[in-house]
Amino acid sequence: AHHAALNERPDLARQAASALYHALSLAALRW
């Protein structure tokens, strides 16, 4: 996500958003 945003890679936006969603949901589920 950092690379896609800071290096102006809009082609990676969906991949990055999915990764962050899964990371957040994983942490929430463990909590």
All heavy atoms as atom14 arrays in JSON, in Angstrom:
{
  "sequence": "AHHAALNERPDLARQAASALYHALSLAALRW",
  "atom14_mask": [
    [1, 1, 1, 1, 1, 0, 0, 0, 0, 0, 0, 0, 0, 0],
    [1, 1, 1, 1, 1, 1, 1, 1, 1, 1, 0, 0, 0, 0],
    [1, 1, 1, 1, 1, 1, 1, 1, 1, 1, 0, 0, 0, 0],
    [1, 1, 1, 1, 1, 0, 0, 0, 0, 0, 0, 0, 0, 0],
    [1, 1, 1, 1, 1, 0, 0, 0, 0, 0, 0, 0, 0, 0],
    [1, 1, 1, 1, 1, 1, 1, 1, 0, 0, 0, 0, 0, 0],
    [1, 1, 1, 1, 1, 1, 1, 1, 0, 0, 0, 0, 0, 0],
    [1, 1, 1, 1, 1, 1, 1, 1, 1, 0, 0, 0, 0, 0],
    [1, 1, 1, 1, 1, 1, 1, 1, 1, 1, 1, 0, 0, 0],
    [1, 1, 1, 1, 1, 1, 1, 0, 0, 0, 0, 0, 0, 0],
    [1, 1, 1, 1, 1, 1, 1, 1, 0, 0, 0, 0, 0, 0],
    [1, 1, 1, 1, 1, 1, 1, 1, 0, 0, 0, 0, 0, 0],
    [1, 1, 1, 1, 1, 0, 0, 0, 0, 0, 0, 0, 0, 0],
    [1, 1, 1, 1, 1, 1, 1, 1, 1, 1, 1, 0, 0, 0],
    [1, 1, 1, 1, 1, 1, 1, 1, 1, 0, 0, 0, 0, 0],
    [1, 1, 1, 1, 1, 0, 0, 0, 0, 0, 0, 0, 0, 0],
    [1, 1, 1, 1, 1, 0, 0, 0, 0, 0, 0, 0, 0, 0],
    [1, 1, 1, 1, 1, 1, 0, 0, 0, 0, 0, 0, 0, 0],
    [1, 1, 1, 1, 1, 0, 0, 0, 0, 0, 0, 0, 0, 0],
    [1, 1, 1, 1, 1, 1, 1, 1, 0, 0, 0, 0, 0, 0],
    [1, 1, 1, 1, 1, 1, 1, 1, 1, 1, 1, 1, 0, 0],
    [1, 1, 1, 1, 1, 1, 1, 1, 1, 1, 0, 0, 0, 0],
    [1, 1, 1, 1, 1, 0, 0, 0, 0, 0, 0, 0, 0, 0],
    [1, 1, 1, 1, 1, 1, 1, 1, 0, 0, 0, 0, 0, 0],
    [1, 1, 1, 1, 1, 1, 0, 0, 0, 0, 0, 0, 0, 0],
    [1, 1, 1, 1, 1, 1, 1, 1, 0, 0, 0, 0, 0, 0],
    [1, 1, 1, 1, 1, 0, 0, 0, 0, 0, 0, 0, 0, 0],
    [1, 1, 1, 1, 1, 0, 0, 0, 0, 0, 0, 0, 0, 0],
    [1, 1, 1, 1, 1, 1, 1, 1, 0, 0, 0, 0, 0, 0],
    [1, 1, 1, 1, 1, 1, 1, 1, 1, 1, 1, 0, 0, 0],
    [1, 1, 1, 1, 1, 1, 1, 1, 1, 1, 1, 1, 1, 1]
  ],
  "atom14_positions": [
    [[0.82, -1.2, 0.0], [0.0, 0.0, 0.0], [0.86, 1.26, 0.0], [0.56, 2.24, -0.71], [-0.92, -0.01, 1.21], [0.0, 0.0, 0.0], [0.0, 0.0, 0.0], [0.0, 0.0, 0.0], [0.0, 0.0, 0.0], [0.0, 0.0, 0.0], [0.0, 0.0, 0.0], [0.0, 0.0, 0.0], [0.0, 0.0, 0.0], [0.0, 0.0, 0.0]],
    [[1.94, 1.24, 0.77], [2.84, 2.39, 0.82], [3.47, 2.64, -0.55], [3.54, 3.77, -1.04], [3.92, 2.14, 1.88], [4.89, 3.28, 2.04], [6.04, 3.4, 1.28], [4.87, 4.36, 2.87], [6.69, 4.49, 1.65], [6.01, 5.08, 2.6], [0.0, 0.0, 0.0], [0.0, 0.0, 0.0], [0.0, 0.0, 0.0], [0.0, 0.0, 0.0]],
    [[3.92, 1.57, -1.19], [4.55, 1.7, -2.5], [3.54, 2.22, -3.53], [3.86, 3.13, -4.31], [5.08, 0.34, -2.95], [5.63, 0.34, -4.34], [6.92, 0.72, -4.64], [5.04, 0.02, -5.53], [7.12, 0.63, -5.94], [5.99, 0.21, -6.51], [0.0, 0.0, 0.0], [0.0, 0.0, 0.0], [0.0, 0.0, 0.0], [0.0, 0.0, 0.0]],
    [[2.33, 1.67, -3.53], [1.33, 2.09, -4.52], [0.97, 3.56, -4.37], [0.82, 4.28, -5.36], [0.09, 1.22, -4.38], [0.0, 0.0, 0.0], [0.0, 0.0, 0.0], [0.0, 0.0, 0.0], [0.0, 0.0, 0.0], [0.0, 0.0, 0.0], [0.0, 0.0, 0.0], [0.0, 0.0, 0.0], [0.0, 0.0, 0.0], [0.0, 0.0, 0.0]],
    [[0.86, 4.03, -3.13], [0.46, 5.41, -2.91], [1.6, 6.38, -3.15], [1.42, 7.41, -3.8], [-0.06, 5.57, -1.47], [0.0, 0.0, 0.0], [0.0, 0.0, 0.0], [0.0, 0.0, 0.0], [0.0, 0.0, 0.0], [0.0, 0.0, 0.0], [0.0, 0.0, 0.0], [0.0, 0.0, 0.0], [0.0, 0.0, 0.0], [0.0, 0.0, 0.0]],
    [[2.79, 6.07, -2.65], [3.9, 7.03, -2.71], [4.58, 7.04, -4.07], [5.25, 8.02, -4.42], [4.91, 6.71, -1.62], [4.64, 7.34, -0.24], [4.7, 8.86, -0.32], [3.3, 6.88, 0.35], [0.0, 0.0, 0.0], [0.0, 0.0, 0.0], [0.0, 0.0, 0.0], [0.0, 0.0, 0.0], [0.0, 0.0, 0.0], [0.0, 0.0, 0.0]],
    [[4.43, 5.99, -4.85], [5.07, 5.92, -6.15], [4.08, 6.1, -7.3], [4.38, 5.74, -8.44], [5.82, 4.59, -6.3], [7.03, 4.51, -5.41], [8.1, 5.02, -5.74], [6.88, 3.86, -4.26], [0.0, 0.0, 0.0], [0.0, 0.0, 0.0], [0.0, 0.0, 0.0], [0.0, 0.0, 0.0], [0.0, 0.0, 0.0], [0.0, 0.0, 0.0]],
    [[2.88, 6.62, -6.96], [1.88, 6.92, -7.99], [1.63, 5.7, -8.87], [1.8, 5.73, -10.09], [2.31, 8.12, -8.83], [2.47, 9.41, -8.05], [1.13, 9.97, -7.58], [0.09, 9.53, -8.09], [1.14, 10.85, -6.7], [0.0, 0.0, 0.0], [0.0, 0.0, 0.0], [0.0, 0.0, 0.0], [0.0, 0.0, 0.0], [0.0, 0.0, 0.0]],
    [[1.21, 4.59, -8.24], [0.91, 3.36, -8.97], [-0.58, 3.04, -8.85], [-0.99, 2.15, -8.11], [1.74, 2.21, -8.41], [3.23, 2.27, -8.73], [3.5, 2.03, -10.21], [2.95, 0.77, -10.69], [3.59, -0.41, -10.6], [4.78, -0.48, -10.04], [3.02, -1.51, -11.07], [0.0, 0.0, 0.0], [0.0, 0.0, 0.0], [0.0, 0.0, 0.0]],
    [[-1.42, 3.8, -9.56], [-2.86, 3.53, -9.47], [-3.24, 2.13, -9.95], [-4.28, 1.6, -9.54], [-3.48, 4.61, -10.36], [-2.37, 5.04, -11.29], [-1.12, 4.91, -10.48], [0.0, 0.0, 0.0], [0.0, 0.0, 0.0], [0.0, 0.0, 0.0], [0.0, 0.0, 0.0], [0.0, 0.0, 0.0], [0.0, 0.0, 0.0], [0.0, 0.0, 0.0]],
    [[-2.4, 1.53, -10.8], [-2.69, 0.18, -11.27], [-2.65, -0.84, -10.13], [-3.18, -1.96, -10.28], [-1.7, -0.22, -12.36], [-0.25, -0.12, -11.91], [0.15, 0.95, -11.41], [0.49, -1.12, -12.05], [0.0, 0.0, 0.0], [0.0, 0.0, 0.0], [0.0, 0.0, 0.0], [0.0, 0.0, 0.0], [0.0, 0.0, 0.0], [0.0, 0.0, 0.0]],
    [[-2.04, -0.48, -9.0], [-1.95, -1.38, -7.85], [-3.02, -1.1, -6.8], [-3.02, -1.72, -5.74], [-0.57, -1.28, -7.2], [0.63, -1.69, -8.05], [1.93, -1.45, -7.28], [0.52, -3.15, -8.46], [0.0, 0.0, 0.0], [0.0, 0.0, 0.0], [0.0, 0.0, 0.0], [0.0, 0.0, 0.0], [0.0, 0.0, 0.0], [0.0, 0.0, 0.0]],
    [[-3.92, -0.16, -7.08], [-4.86, 0.29, -6.05], [-5.74, -0.83, -5.53], [-5.93, -0.97, -4.31], [-5.72, 1.43, -6.6], [0.0, 0.0, 0.0], [0.0, 0.0, 0.0], [0.0, 0.0, 0.0], [0.0, 0.0, 0.0], [0.0, 0.0, 0.0], [0.0, 0.0, 0.0], [0.0, 0.0, 0.0], [0.0, 0.0, 0.0], [0.0, 0.0, 0.0]],
    [[-6.27, -1.65, -6.4], [-7.18, -2.71, -5.96], [-6.42, -3.77, -5.16], [-6.91, -4.26, -4.13], [-7.89, -3.33, -7.16], [-8.89, -2.39, -7.79], [-9.32, -2.83, -9.19], [-10.13, -4.02, -9.17], [-11.33, -4.12, -9.74], [-11.86, -3.06, -10.35], [-12.02, -5.23, -9.72], [0.0, 0.0, 0.0], [0.0, 0.0, 0.0], [0.0, 0.0, 0.0]],
    [[-5.25, -4.12, -5.63], [-4.44, -5.11, -4.93], [-4.06, -4.59, -3.53], [-4.14, -5.33, -2.53], [-3.18, -5.42, -5.74], [-2.3, -6.51, -5.17], [-1.08, -6.75, -6.06], [-1.02, -6.29, -7.2], [-0.1, -7.47, -5.53], [0.0, 0.0, 0.0], [0.0, 0.0, 0.0], [0.0, 0.0, 0.0], [0.0, 0.0, 0.0], [0.0, 0.0, 0.0]],
    [[-3.68, -3.32, -3.46], [-3.29, -2.74, -2.17], [-4.48, -2.64, -1.22], [-4.37, -2.93, -0.02], [-2.67, -1.36, -2.39], [0.0, 0.0, 0.0], [0.0, 0.0, 0.0], [0.0, 0.0, 0.0], [0.0, 0.0, 0.0], [0.0, 0.0, 0.0], [0.0, 0.0, 0.0], [0.0, 0.0, 0.0], [0.0, 0.0, 0.0], [0.0, 0.0, 0.0]],
    [[-5.65, -2.23, -1.74], [-6.83, -2.11, -0.9], [-7.24, -3.47, -0.35], [-7.61, -3.6, 0.83], [-7.98, -1.49, -1.69], [0.0, 0.0, 0.0], [0.0, 0.0, 0.0], [0.0, 0.0, 0.0], [0.0, 0.0, 0.0], [0.0, 0.0, 0.0], [0.0, 0.0, 0.0], [0.0, 0.0, 0.0], [0.0, 0.0, 0.0], [0.0, 0.0, 0.0]],
    [[-7.18, -4.5, -1.17], [-7.51, -5.85, -0.7], [-6.56, -6.28, 0.41], [-6.98, -6.84, 1.43], [-7.46, -6.85, -1.86], [-8.5, -6.61, -2.78], [0.0, 0.0, 0.0], [0.0, 0.0, 0.0], [0.0, 0.0, 0.0], [0.0, 0.0, 0.0], [0.0, 0.0, 0.0], [0.0, 0.0, 0.0], [0.0, 0.0, 0.0], [0.0, 0.0, 0.0]],
    [[-5.28, -6.04, 0.22], [-4.29, -6.45, 1.22], [-4.54, -5.76, 2.56], [-4.49, -6.4, 3.62], [-2.89, -6.14, 0.71], [0.0, 0.0, 0.0], [0.0, 0.0, 0.0], [0.0, 0.0, 0.0], [0.0, 0.0, 0.0], [0.0, 0.0, 0.0], [0.0, 0.0, 0.0], [0.0, 0.0, 0.0], [0.0, 0.0, 0.0], [0.0, 0.0, 0.0]],
    [[-4.83, -4.46, 2.54], [-5.1, -3.74, 3.79], [-6.38, -4.23, 4.45], [-6.46, -4.35, 5.68], [-5.18, -2.24, 3.52], [-3.88, -1.53, 3.12], [-4.14, -0.05, 2.9], [-2.79, -1.73, 4.18], [0.0, 0.0, 0.0], [0.0, 0.0, 0.0], [0.0, 0.0, 0.0], [0.0, 0.0, 0.0], [0.0, 0.0, 0.0], [0.0, 0.0, 0.0]],
    [[-7.39, -4.5, 3.66], [-8.66, -5.02, 4.2], [-8.43, -6.35, 4.91], [-8.92, -6.57, 6.03], [-9.66, -5.17, 3.06], [-10.98, -5.79, 3.44], [-12.02, -5.0, 3.93], [-11.21, -7.15, 3.26], [-13.25, -5.57, 4.24], [-12.44, -7.72, 3.58], [-13.45, -6.93, 4.07], [-14.67, -7.49, 4.38], [0.0, 0.0, 0.0], [0.0, 0.0, 0.0]],
    [[-7.67, -7.23, 4.28], [-7.42, -8.54, 4.9], [-6.57, -8.39, 6.15], [-6.79, -9.08, 7.15], [-6.74, -9.47, 3.89], [-7.56, -9.74, 2.67], [-8.92, -9.88, 2.71], [-7.21, -9.9, 1.35], [-9.38, -10.11, 1.49], [-8.36, -10.12, 0.65], [0.0, 0.0, 0.0], [0.0, 0.0, 0.0], [0.0, 0.0, 0.0], [0.0, 0.0, 0.0]],
    [[-5.61, -7.48, 6.12], [-4.77, -7.25, 7.3], [-5.61, -6.73, 8.46], [-5.48, -7.19, 9.6], [-3.65, -6.27, 6.96], [0.0, 0.0, 0.0], [0.0, 0.0, 0.0], [0.0, 0.0, 0.0], [0.0, 0.0, 0.0], [0.0, 0.0, 0.0], [0.0, 0.0, 0.0], [0.0, 0.0, 0.0], [0.0, 0.0, 0.0], [0.0, 0.0, 0.0]],
    [[-6.48, -5.76, 8.18], [-7.32, -5.19, 9.23], [-8.29, -6.24, 9.78], [-8.45, -6.37, 11.0], [-8.09, -4.0, 8.68], [-9.19, -3.42, 9.57], [-8.62, -2.94, 10.9], [-9.93, -2.29, 8.85], [0.0, 0.0, 0.0], [0.0, 0.0, 0.0], [0.0, 0.0, 0.0], [0.0, 0.0, 0.0], [0.0, 0.0, 0.0], [0.0, 0.0, 0.0]],
    [[-8.92, -6.99, 8.9], [-9.9, -7.98, 9.36], [-9.22, -9.09, 10.15], [-9.77, -9.57, 11.15], [-10.68, -8.55, 8.18], [-9.83, -9.21, 7.27], [0.0, 0.0, 0.0], [0.0, 0.0, 0.0], [0.0, 0.0, 0.0], [0.0, 0.0, 0.0], [0.0, 0.0, 0.0], [0.0, 0.0, 0.0], [0.0, 0.0, 0.0], [0.0, 0.0, 0.0]],
    [[-8.04, -9.51, 9.75], [-7.31, -10.53, 10.51], [-7.06, -10.04, 11.94], [-7.3, -10.77, 12.91], [-5.99, -10.86, 9.81], [-5.1, -11.9, 10.48], [-4.32, -12.7, 9.45], [-4.1, -11.27, 11.46], [0.0, 0.0, 0.0], [0.0, 0.0, 0.0], [0.0, 0.0, 0.0], [0.0, 0.0, 0.0], [0.0, 0.0, 0.0], [0.0, 0.0, 0.0]],
    [[-6.56, -8.81, 12.08], [-6.27, -8.27, 13.4], [-7.55, -8.13, 14.22], [-7.57, -8.43, 15.43], [-5.56, -6.94, 13.27], [0.0, 0.0, 0.0], [0.0, 0.0, 0.0], [0.0, 0.0, 0.0], [0.0, 0.0, 0.0], [0.0, 0.0, 0.0], [0.0, 0.0, 0.0], [0.0, 0.0, 0.0], [0.0, 0.0, 0.0], [0.0, 0.0, 0.0]],
    [[-8.62, -7.67, 13.59], [-9.88, -7.52, 14.3], [-10.41, -8.86, 14.78], [-10.91, -8.99, 15.9], [-10.91, -6.83, 13.39], [0.0, 0.0, 0.0], [0.0, 0.0, 0.0], [0.0, 0.0, 0.0], [0.0, 0.0, 0.0], [0.0, 0.0, 0.0], [0.0, 0.0, 0.0], [0.0, 0.0, 0.0], [0.0, 0.0, 0.0], [0.0, 0.0, 0.0]],
    [[-10.32, -9.88, 13.94], [-10.78, -11.21, 14.32], [-9.99, -11.75, 15.51], [-10.56, -12.37, 16.42], [-10.67, -12.16, 13.13], [-11.69, -11.96, 12.0], [-11.23, -12.65, 10.72], [-13.07, -12.48, 12.43], [0.0, 0.0, 0.0], [0.0, 0.0, 0.0], [0.0, 0.0, 0.0], [0.0, 0.0, 0.0], [0.0, 0.0, 0.0], [0.0, 0.0, 0.0]],
    [[-8.69, -11.53, 15.53], [-7.89, -12.0, 16.68], [-8.25, -11.23, 17.94], [-8.29, -11.8, 19.04], [-6.4, -11.88, 16.36], [-5.94, -12.73, 15.17], [-4.61, -13.39, 15.43], [-4.12, -14.12, 14.27], [-4.49, -15.37, 13.94], [-5.36, -16.02, 14.69], [-3.98, -15.94, 12.86], [0.0, 0.0, 0.0], [0.0, 0.0, 0.0], [0.0, 0.0, 0.0]],
    [[-8.53, -9.92, 17.81], [-8.95, -9.14, 18.97], [-10.32, -9.61, 19.46], [-10.55, -9.78, 20.67], [-8.99, -7.67, 18.6], [-9.5, -6.8, 19.71], [-8.8, -6.36, 20.8], [-10.83, -6.25, 19.83], [-9.62, -5.58, 21.61], [-10.86, -5.5, 21.03], [-11.98, -6.33, 19.03], [-12.01, -4.84, 21.45], [-13.12, -5.67, 19.44], [-13.12, -4.94, 20.65]]
  ]
}
